[in-house]
PDB file of N, CA and C in Angstrom:
ATOM      1  N   MET A   1      -7.732  -8.832   4.136  1.00  0.00           N
ATOM      2  CA  MET A   1      -8.856  -7.821   4.075  1.00  0.00           C
ATOM      3  C   MET A   1      -8.366  -6.550   2.271  1.00  0.00           C
ATOM      4  N   HIS A   2      -8.685  -7.016   1.507  1.00  0.00           N
ATOM      5  CA  HIS A   2      -8.635  -5.537   0.404  1.00  0.00           C
ATOM      6  C   HIS A   2      -9.395  -4.972   0.262  1.00  0.00           C
ATOM      7  N   GLU A   3      -8.690  -3.423   0.491  1.00  0.00           N
ATOM      8  CA  GLU A   3      -9.429  -2.294   0.064  1.00  0.00           C
ATOM      9  C   GLU A   3      -8.698  -1.763  -1.164  1.00  0.00           C
ATOM     10  N   VAL A   4      -9.527  -1.274  -2.018  1.00  0.00           N
ATOM     11  CA  VAL A   4      -9.194  -0.125  -3.408  1.00  0.00           C
ATOM     12  C   VAL A   4      -9.292   1.466  -2.626  1.00  0.00           C
ATOM     13  N   LEU A   5      -7.843   1.908  -2.525  1.00  0.00           N
ATOM     14  CA  LEU A   5      -8.630   3.442  -2.536  1.00  0.00           C
ATOM     15  C   LEU A   5      -7.829   4.521  -3.355  1.00  0.00           C
ATOM     16  N   GLU A   6      -8.825   5.363  -3.345  1.00  0.00           N
ATOM     17  CA  GLU A   6      -7.758   6.000  -4.895  1.00  0.00           C
ATOM     18  C   GLU A   6      -7.693   7.830  -3.966  1.00  0.00           C
ATOM     19  N   ASN A   7      -6.574   8.125  -4.049  1.00  0.00           N
ATOM     20  CA  ASN A   7      -5.506   9.592  -3.324  1.00  0.00           C
ATOM     21  C   ASN A   7      -5.990  10.171  -4.209  1.00  0.00           C
ATOM     22  N   THR A   8      -6.496  10.960  -3.592  1.00  0.00           N
ATOM     23  CA  THR A   8      -6.920  12.449  -4.523  1.00  0.00           C
ATOM     24  C   THR A   8      -5.693  13.497  -4.120  1.00  0.00           C
ATOM     25  N   ASP A   9      -4.573  12.909  -3.750  1.00  0.00           N
ATOM     26  CA  ASP A   9      -3.045  13.870  -3.736  1.00  0.00           C
ATOM     27  C   ASP A   9      -3.096  13.969  -5.437  1.00  0.00           C
ATOM     28  N   PHE A  10      -1.292  14.531  -5.361  1.00  0.00           N
ATOM     29  CA  PHE A  10      -1.105  14.454  -6.726  1.00  0.00           C
ATOM     30  C   PHE A  10       0.432  14.189  -6.466  1.00  0.00           C
ATOM     31  N   PRO A  11       0.871  12.876  -7.590  1.00  0.00           N
ATOM     32  CA  PRO A  11       0.302  12.534  -8.508  1.00  0.00           C
ATOM     33  C   PRO A  11      -0.669  11.792  -7.591  1.00  0.00           C
ATOM     34  N   PRO A  12      -1.696  10.936  -8.521  1.00  0.00           N
ATOM     35  CA  PRO A  12      -2.927  10.323  -7.927  1.00  0.00           C
ATOM     36  C   PRO A  12      -2.199   8.488  -8.251  1.00  0.00           C
ATOM     37  N   LEU A  13      -2.992   7.870  -7.178  1.00  0.00           N
ATOM     38  CA  LEU A  13      -2.334   6.571  -6.747  1.00  0.00           C
ATOM     39  C   LEU A  13      -3.359   5.617  -6.116  1.00  0.00           C
ATOM     40  N   TRP A  14      -3.535   4.593  -7.102  1.00  0.00           N
ATOM     41  CA  TRP A  14      -4.710   3.654  -6.836  1.00  0.00           C
ATOM     42  C   TRP A  14      -3.517   2.649  -6.054  1.00  0.00           C
ATOM     43  N   VAL A  15      -4.191   2.369  -4.683  1.00  0.00           N
ATOM     44  CA  VAL A  15      -3.666   1.522  -3.913  1.00  0.00           C
ATOM     45  C   VAL A  15      -4.473  -0.090  -3.367  1.00  0.00           C
ATOM     46  N   ARG A  16      -3.908  -0.879  -3.162  1.00  0.00           N
ATOM     47  CA  ARG A  16      -4.352  -1.797  -2.423  1.00  0.00           C
ATOM     48  C   ARG A  16      -4.031  -2.251  -0.852  1.00  0.00           C
ATOM     49  N   THR A  17      -4.742  -2.617  -0.442  1.00  0.00           N
ATOM     50  CA  THR A  17      -4.014  -2.903   1.193  1.00  0.00           C
ATOM     51  C   THR A  17      -3.807  -4.268   1.429  1.00  0.00           C
ATOM     52  N   LYS A  18      -3.157  -4.634   2.172  1.00  0.00           N
ATOM     53  CA  LYS A  18      -3.141  -5.841   2.480  1.00  0.00           C
ATOM     54  C   LYS A  18      -2.492  -7.030   3.991  1.00  0.00           C
ATOM     55  N   SER A  19      -3.651  -7.003   4.565  1.00  0.00           N
ATOM     56  CA  SER A  19      -3.164  -7.603   6.076  1.00  0.00           C
ATOM     57  C   SER A  19      -2.239  -8.451   6.359  1.00  0.00           C
ATOM     58  N   LEU A  20      -1.740  -7.913   7.260  1.00  0.00           N
ATOM     59  CA  LEU A  20      -0.591  -9.444   6.716  1.00  0.00           C
ATOM     60  C   LEU A  20      -0.778 -10.387   8.376  1.00  0.00           C
ATOM     61  N   GLY A  21      -1.384 -11.429   8.577  1.00  0.00           N
ATOM     62  CA  GLY A  21      -1.456 -11.761   9.523  1.00  0.00           C
ATOM     63  C   GLY A  21      -2.501 -10.845  10.748  1.00  0.00           C
ATOM     64  N   ARG A  22      -2.153 -11.739  11.297  1.00  0.00           N
ATOM     65  CA  ARG A  22      -2.232 -10.847  13.005  1.00  0.00           C
ATOM     66  C   ARG A  22      -1.722  -9.501  13.503  1.00  0.00           C
ATOM     67  N   SER A  23      -0.740  -9.129  13.188  1.00  0.00           N
ATOM     68  CA  SER A  23       0.099  -8.324  13.580  1.00  0.00           C
ATOM     69  C   SER A  23      -0.859  -7.170  12.671  1.00  0.00           C
ATOM     70  N   PRO A  24       0.023  -5.741  13.281  1.00  0.00           N
ATOM     71  CA  PRO A  24      -0.465  -4.332  12.445  1.00  0.00           C
ATOM     72  C   PRO A  24      -0.126  -3.813  11.473  1.00  0.00           C
ATOM     73  N   ALA A  25       0.782  -4.739  10.739  1.00  0.00           N
ATOM     74  CA  ALA A  25       1.872  -4.751   9.371  1.00  0.00           C
ATOM     75  C   ALA A  25       0.593  -4.590   8.467  1.00  0.00           C
ATOM     76  N   TYR A  26       0.859  -3.597   7.351  1.00  0.00           N
ATOM     77  CA  TYR A  26       0.034  -3.762   6.274  1.00  0.00           C
ATOM     78  C   TYR A  26       1.004  -3.761   4.972  1.00  0.00           C
ATOM     79  N   LEU A  27       0.539  -4.076   3.782  1.00  0.00           N
ATOM     80  CA  LEU A  27       1.314  -3.870   2.646  1.00  0.00           C
ATOM     81  C   LEU A  27       0.605  -3.479   1.639  1.00  0.00           C
ATOM     82  N   VAL A  28       1.160  -1.959   0.908  1.00  0.00           N
ATOM     83  CA  VAL A  28       0.482  -0.916   0.282  1.00  0.00           C
ATOM     84  C   VAL A  28       1.172  -1.514  -0.876  1.00  0.00           C
ATOM     85  N   TYR A  29       0.139  -1.818  -2.169  1.00  0.00           N
ATOM     86  CA  TYR A  29       0.952  -1.406  -3.765  1.00  0.00           C
ATOM     87  C   TYR A  29      -0.305  -1.046  -4.316  1.00  0.00           C
ATOM     88  N   GLY A  30       0.417   0.018  -5.425  1.00  0.00           N
ATOM     89  CA  GLY A  30      -0.732   0.388  -6.427  1.00  0.00           C
ATOM     90  C   GLY A  30       0.510   1.147  -7.257  1.00  0.00           C
ATOM     91  N   ARG A  31      -0.633   1.893  -8.251  1.00  0.00           N
ATOM     92  CA  ARG A  31      -0.153   2.935  -9.271  1.00  0.00           C
ATOM     93  C   ARG A  31      -0.100   4.037  -9.486  1.00  0.00           C
ATOM     94  N   THR A  32       1.032   4.754 -10.020  1.00  0.00           N
ATOM     95  CA  THR A  32       0.918   6.503  -9.914  1.00  0.00           C
ATOM     96  C   THR A  32       0.326   6.595 -11.661  1.00  0.00           C
ATOM     97  N   ALA A  33      -0.317   7.750 -11.748  1.00  0.00           N
ATOM     98  CA  ALA A  33      -0.754   8.509 -12.632  1.00  0.00           C
ATOM     99  C   ALA A  33       0.311   8.102 -13.900  1.00  0.00           C
ATOM    100  N   GLU A  34       1.445   8.140 -13.650  1.00  0.00           N
ATOM    101  CA  GLU A  34       2.124   7.782 -14.781  1.00  0.00           C
ATOM    102  C   GLU A  34       2.510   6.456 -14.967  1.00  0.00           C
ATOM    103  N   GLY A  35       2.209   6.104 -14.338  1.00  0.00           N
ATOM    104  CA  GLY A  35       1.910   4.232 -14.445  1.00  0.00           C
ATOM    105  C   GLY A  35       3.692   3.410 -13.675  1.00  0.00           C
ATOM    106  N   ARG A  36       3.784   3.755 -12.548  1.00  0.00           N
ATOM    107  CA  ARG A  36       4.968   3.621 -11.275  1.00  0.00           C
ATOM    108  C   ARG A  36       4.055   2.941 -10.936  1.00  0.00           C
ATOM    109  N   TYR A  37       4.735   1.289 -10.385  1.00  0.00           N
ATOM    110  CA  TYR A  37       3.970   0.569  -9.228  1.00  0.00           C
ATOM    111  C   TYR A  37       4.964   0.851  -8.390  1.00  0.00           C
ATOM    112  N   LEU A  38       3.783   0.934  -7.130  1.00  0.00           N
ATOM    113  CA  LEU A  38       4.779   1.090  -5.726  1.00  0.00           C
ATOM    114  C   LEU A  38       4.980  -0.089  -4.756  1.00  0.00           C
ATOM    115  N   LEU A  39       5.372  -0.280  -4.326  1.00  0.00           N
ATOM    116  CA  LEU A  39       5.096  -0.836  -3.247  1.00  0.00           C
ATOM    117  C   LEU A  39       5.701  -0.598  -1.604  1.00  0.00           C
ATOM    118  N   ILE A  40       5.131  -0.466  -0.834  1.00  0.00           N
ATOM    119  CA  ILE A  40       5.082   0.499   0.640  1.00  0.00           C
ATOM    120  C   ILE A  40       4.265  -0.248   1.712  1.00  0.00           C
ATOM    121  N   PRO A  41       5.464  -0.903   2.467  1.00  0.00           N
ATOM    122  CA  PRO A  41       5.162  -1.948   3.680  1.00  0.00           C
ATOM    123  C   PRO A  41       5.021  -0.757   4.766  1.00  0.00           C
ATOM    124  N   GLY A  42       4.619  -0.732   5.967  1.00  0.00           N
ATOM    125  CA  GLY A  42       3.590  -0.201   6.628  1.00  0.00           C
ATOM    126  C   GLY A  42       3.303  -1.011   7.591  1.00  0.00           C
ATOM    127  N   ILE A  43       2.655   0.260   9.179  1.00  0.00           N
ATOM    128  CA  ILE A  43       2.084  -0.703  10.257  1.00  0.00           C
ATOM    129  C   ILE A  43       1.179   0.585  10.665  1.00  0.00           C
ATOM    130  N   VAL A  44      -0.516   0.101  11.082  1.00  0.00           N
ATOM    131  CA  VAL A  44      -1.170   0.761  11.221  1.00  0.00           C
ATOM    132  C   VAL A  44      -1.182   1.595  12.969  1.00  0.00           C
ATOM    133  N   LEU A  45      -1.253   2.262  13.083  1.00  0.00           N
ATOM    134  CA  LEU A  45      -1.280   2.386  14.400  1.00  0.00           C
ATOM    135  C   LEU A  45      -1.956   1.885  15.466  1.00  0.00           C
ATOM    136  N   SER A  46      -1.996   1.939  16.463  1.00  0.00           N
ATOM    137  CA  SER A  46      -3.147   1.485  17.290  1.00  0.00           C
ATOM    138  C   SER A  46      -3.524   2.173  18.613  1.00  0.00           C
ATOM    139  N   GLU A  47      -2.713   3.248  18.916  1.00  0.00           N
ATOM    140  CA  GLU A  47      -3.012   3.863  20.002  1.00  0.00           C
ATOM    141  C   GLU A  47      -3.742   5.432  19.702  1.00  0.00           C
ATOM    142  N   PRO A  48      -4.319   6.200  20.752  1.00  0.00           N
ATOM    143  CA  PRO A  48      -4.799   7.498  20.094  1.00  0.00           C
ATOM    144  C   PRO A  48      -3.416   8.238  20.153  1.00  0.00           C
ATOM    145  N   PRO A  49      -3.398   9.669  20.007  1.00  0.00           N
ATOM    146  CA  PRO A  49      -4.023   9.874  18.798  1.00  0.00           C
ATOM    147  C   PRO A  49      -3.940   9.752  17.621  1.00  0.00           C
ATOM    148  N   LEU A  50      -3.602   8.940  17.412  1.00  0.00           N
ATOM    149  CA  LEU A  50      -2.939   8.599  15.871  1.00  0.00           C
ATOM    150  C   LEU A  50      -3.680   7.261  15.198  1.00  0.00           C
ATOM    151  N   LYS A  51      -4.564   6.665  16.201  1.00  0.00           N
ATOM    152  CA  LYS A  51      -5.061   5.268  15.971  1.00  0.00           C
ATOM    153  C   LYS A  51      -5.642   5.485  14.410  1.00  0.00           C
ATOM    154  N   ASN A  52      -5.691   4.074  13.788  1.00  0.00           N
ATOM    155  CA  ASN A  52      -5.866   3.461  12.589  1.00  0.00           C
ATOM    156  C   ASN A  52      -4.826   4.135  11.368  1.00  0.00           C
ATOM    157  N   MET A  53      -3.737   5.192  11.904  1.00  0.00           N
ATOM    158  CA  MET A  53      -3.229   5.646  11.023  1.00  0.00           C
ATOM    159  C   MET A  53      -2.408   4.701  10.142  1.00  0.00           C
ATOM    160  N   PHE A  54      -1.982   5.047   8.369  1.00  0.00           N
ATOM    161  CA  PHE A  54      -1.227   4.254   8.442  1.00  0.00           C
ATOM    162  C   PHE A  54       0.230   4.772   8.353  1.00  0.00           C
ATOM    163  N   MET A  55       1.374   4.172   8.939  1.00  0.00           N
ATOM    164  CA  MET A  55       2.212   4.948   8.781  1.00  0.00           C
ATOM    165  C   MET A  55       3.929   4.084   8.030  1.00  0.00           C
ATOM    166  N   PRO A  56       4.062   4.361   6.764  1.00  0.00           N
ATOM    167  CA  PRO A  56       5.086   3.597   5.692  1.00  0.00           C
ATOM    168  C   PRO A  56       6.185   3.699   6.528  1.00  0.00           C
ATOM    169  N   VAL A  57       6.606   2.341   6.333  1.00  0.00           N
ATOM    170  CA  VAL A  57       8.341   2.186   7.115  1.00  0.00           C
ATOM    171  C   VAL A  57       8.828   2.924   5.815  1.00  0.00           C
ATOM    172  N   THR A  58       8.437   2.351   3.988  1.00  0.00           N
ATOM    173  CA  THR A  58       9.496   2.812   3.319  1.00  0.00           C
ATOM    174  C   THR A  58       8.884   2.826   1.619  1.00  0.00           C
ATOM    175  N   VAL A  59       9.394   3.583   1.070  1.00  0.00           N
ATOM    176  CA  VAL A  59       8.475   2.935  -0.263  1.00  0.00           C
ATOM    177  C   VAL A  59       9.730   2.983  -1.600  1.00  0.00           C
ATOM    178  N   ARG A  60       9.156   2.130  -2.200  1.00  0.00           N
ATOM    179  CA  ARG A  60       9.981   1.777  -3.641  1.00  0.00           C
ATOM    180  C   ARG A  60       9.129   0.935  -4.534  1.00  0.00           C
ATOM    181  N   GLU A  61       9.535   1.153  -5.912  1.00  0.00           N
ATOM    182  CA  GLU A  61       9.307   0.433  -6.866  1.00  0.00           C
ATOM    183  C   GLU A  61       9.500  -0.628  -6.840  1.00  0.00           C
ATOM    184  N   MET A  62       8.773  -1.215  -7.506  1.00  0.00           N
ATOM    185  CA  MET A  62       8.284  -2.646  -7.535  1.00  0.00           C
ATOM    186  C   MET A  62       9.092  -3.321  -8.589  1.00  0.00           C
ATOM    187  N   THR A  63       9.427  -4.196  -8.108  1.00  0.00           N
ATOM    188  CA  THR A  63      10.358  -5.384  -9.191  1.00  0.00           C
ATOM    189  C   THR A  63       9.385  -5.549 -10.558  1.00  0.00           C
ATOM    190  N   ALA A  64      10.053  -6.116 -11.936  1.00  0.00           N
ATOM    191  CA  ALA A  64       9.135  -6.753 -12.602  1.00  0.00           C
ATOM    192  C   ALA A  64       8.507  -8.307 -12.120  1.00  0.00           C
ATOM    193  N   LYS A  65       8.856  -8.708 -11.211  1.00  0.00           N
ATOM    194  CA  LYS A  65       8.697 -10.073 -10.739  1.00  0.00           C
ATOM    195  C   LYS A  65       7.130  -9.705  -9.888  1.00  0.00           C
ATOM    196  N   GLU A  66       7.391  -8.442  -8.452  1.00  0.00           N
ATOM    197  CA  GLU A  66       6.855  -8.210  -8.066  1.00  0.00           C
ATOM    198  C   GLU A  66       5.518  -7.856  -8.277  1.00  0.00           C
ATOM    199  N   ARG A  67       5.828  -6.834  -9.609  1.00  0.00           N
ATOM    200  CA  ARG A  67       4.802  -6.125 -10.414  1.00  0.00           C
ATOM    201  C   ARG A  67       3.708  -7.317 -10.951  1.00  0.00           C
ATOM    202  N   ASP A  68       4.301  -8.128 -11.819  1.00  0.00           N
ATOM    203  CA  ASP A  68       3.532  -9.206 -12.062  1.00  0.00           C
ATOM    204  C   ASP A  68       2.690 -10.143 -10.966  1.00  0.00           C
ATOM    205  N   TYR A  69       2.919 -10.776  -9.908  1.00  0.00           N
ATOM    206  CA  TYR A  69       2.857 -10.942  -8.959  1.00  0.00           C
ATOM    207  C   TYR A  69       1.419 -10.698  -8.151  1.00  0.00           C
ATOM    208  N   TYR A  70       2.007  -9.265  -7.610  1.00  0.00           N
ATOM    209  CA  TYR A  70       0.541  -8.530  -7.342  1.00  0.00           C
ATOM    210  C   TYR A  70      -0.830  -8.035  -8.423  1.00  0.00           C
ATOM    211  N   LEU A  71      -0.253  -8.101  -9.637  1.00  0.00           N
ATOM    212  CA  LEU A  71      -1.234  -7.466 -10.785  1.00  0.00           C
ATOM    213  C   LEU A  71      -2.069  -8.653 -10.664  1.00  0.00           C
ATOM    214  N   LYS A  72      -1.912 -10.182 -10.383  1.00  0.00           N
ATOM    215  CA  LYS A  72      -2.329 -11.588 -10.836  1.00  0.00           C
ATOM    216  C   LYS A  72      -3.648 -10.945  -9.632  1.00  0.00           C
ATOM    217  N   HIS A  73      -3.080 -10.705  -7.905  1.00  0.00           N
ATOM    218  CA  HIS A  73      -3.787 -10.884  -6.766  1.00  0.00           C
ATOM    219  C   HIS A  73      -4.474  -9.527  -6.861  1.00  0.00           C
ATOM    220  N   ILE A  74      -4.794  -8.630  -7.785  1.00  0.00           N
ATOM    221  CA  ILE A  74      -5.825  -7.491  -7.667  1.00  0.00           C
ATOM    222  C   ILE A  74      -7.258  -7.994  -7.889  1.00  0.00           C
TER     223      ILE A  74
END
């Protein structure tokens, strides 16, 4: 599943999500308005009251190799 979202927060961030198999893990990657590319692995919670909420595990800037790989798959 790929979904493109536009974040209205500041700074704006364009992201894509990718399901990692049958697990609740997702990989979110995107680009800020300043042109920095971010990689945000996390999980989607499945129990109320936070059901379907994405919980990031960490956020870091992509390496050049990762940026080349993910930009080809967008």
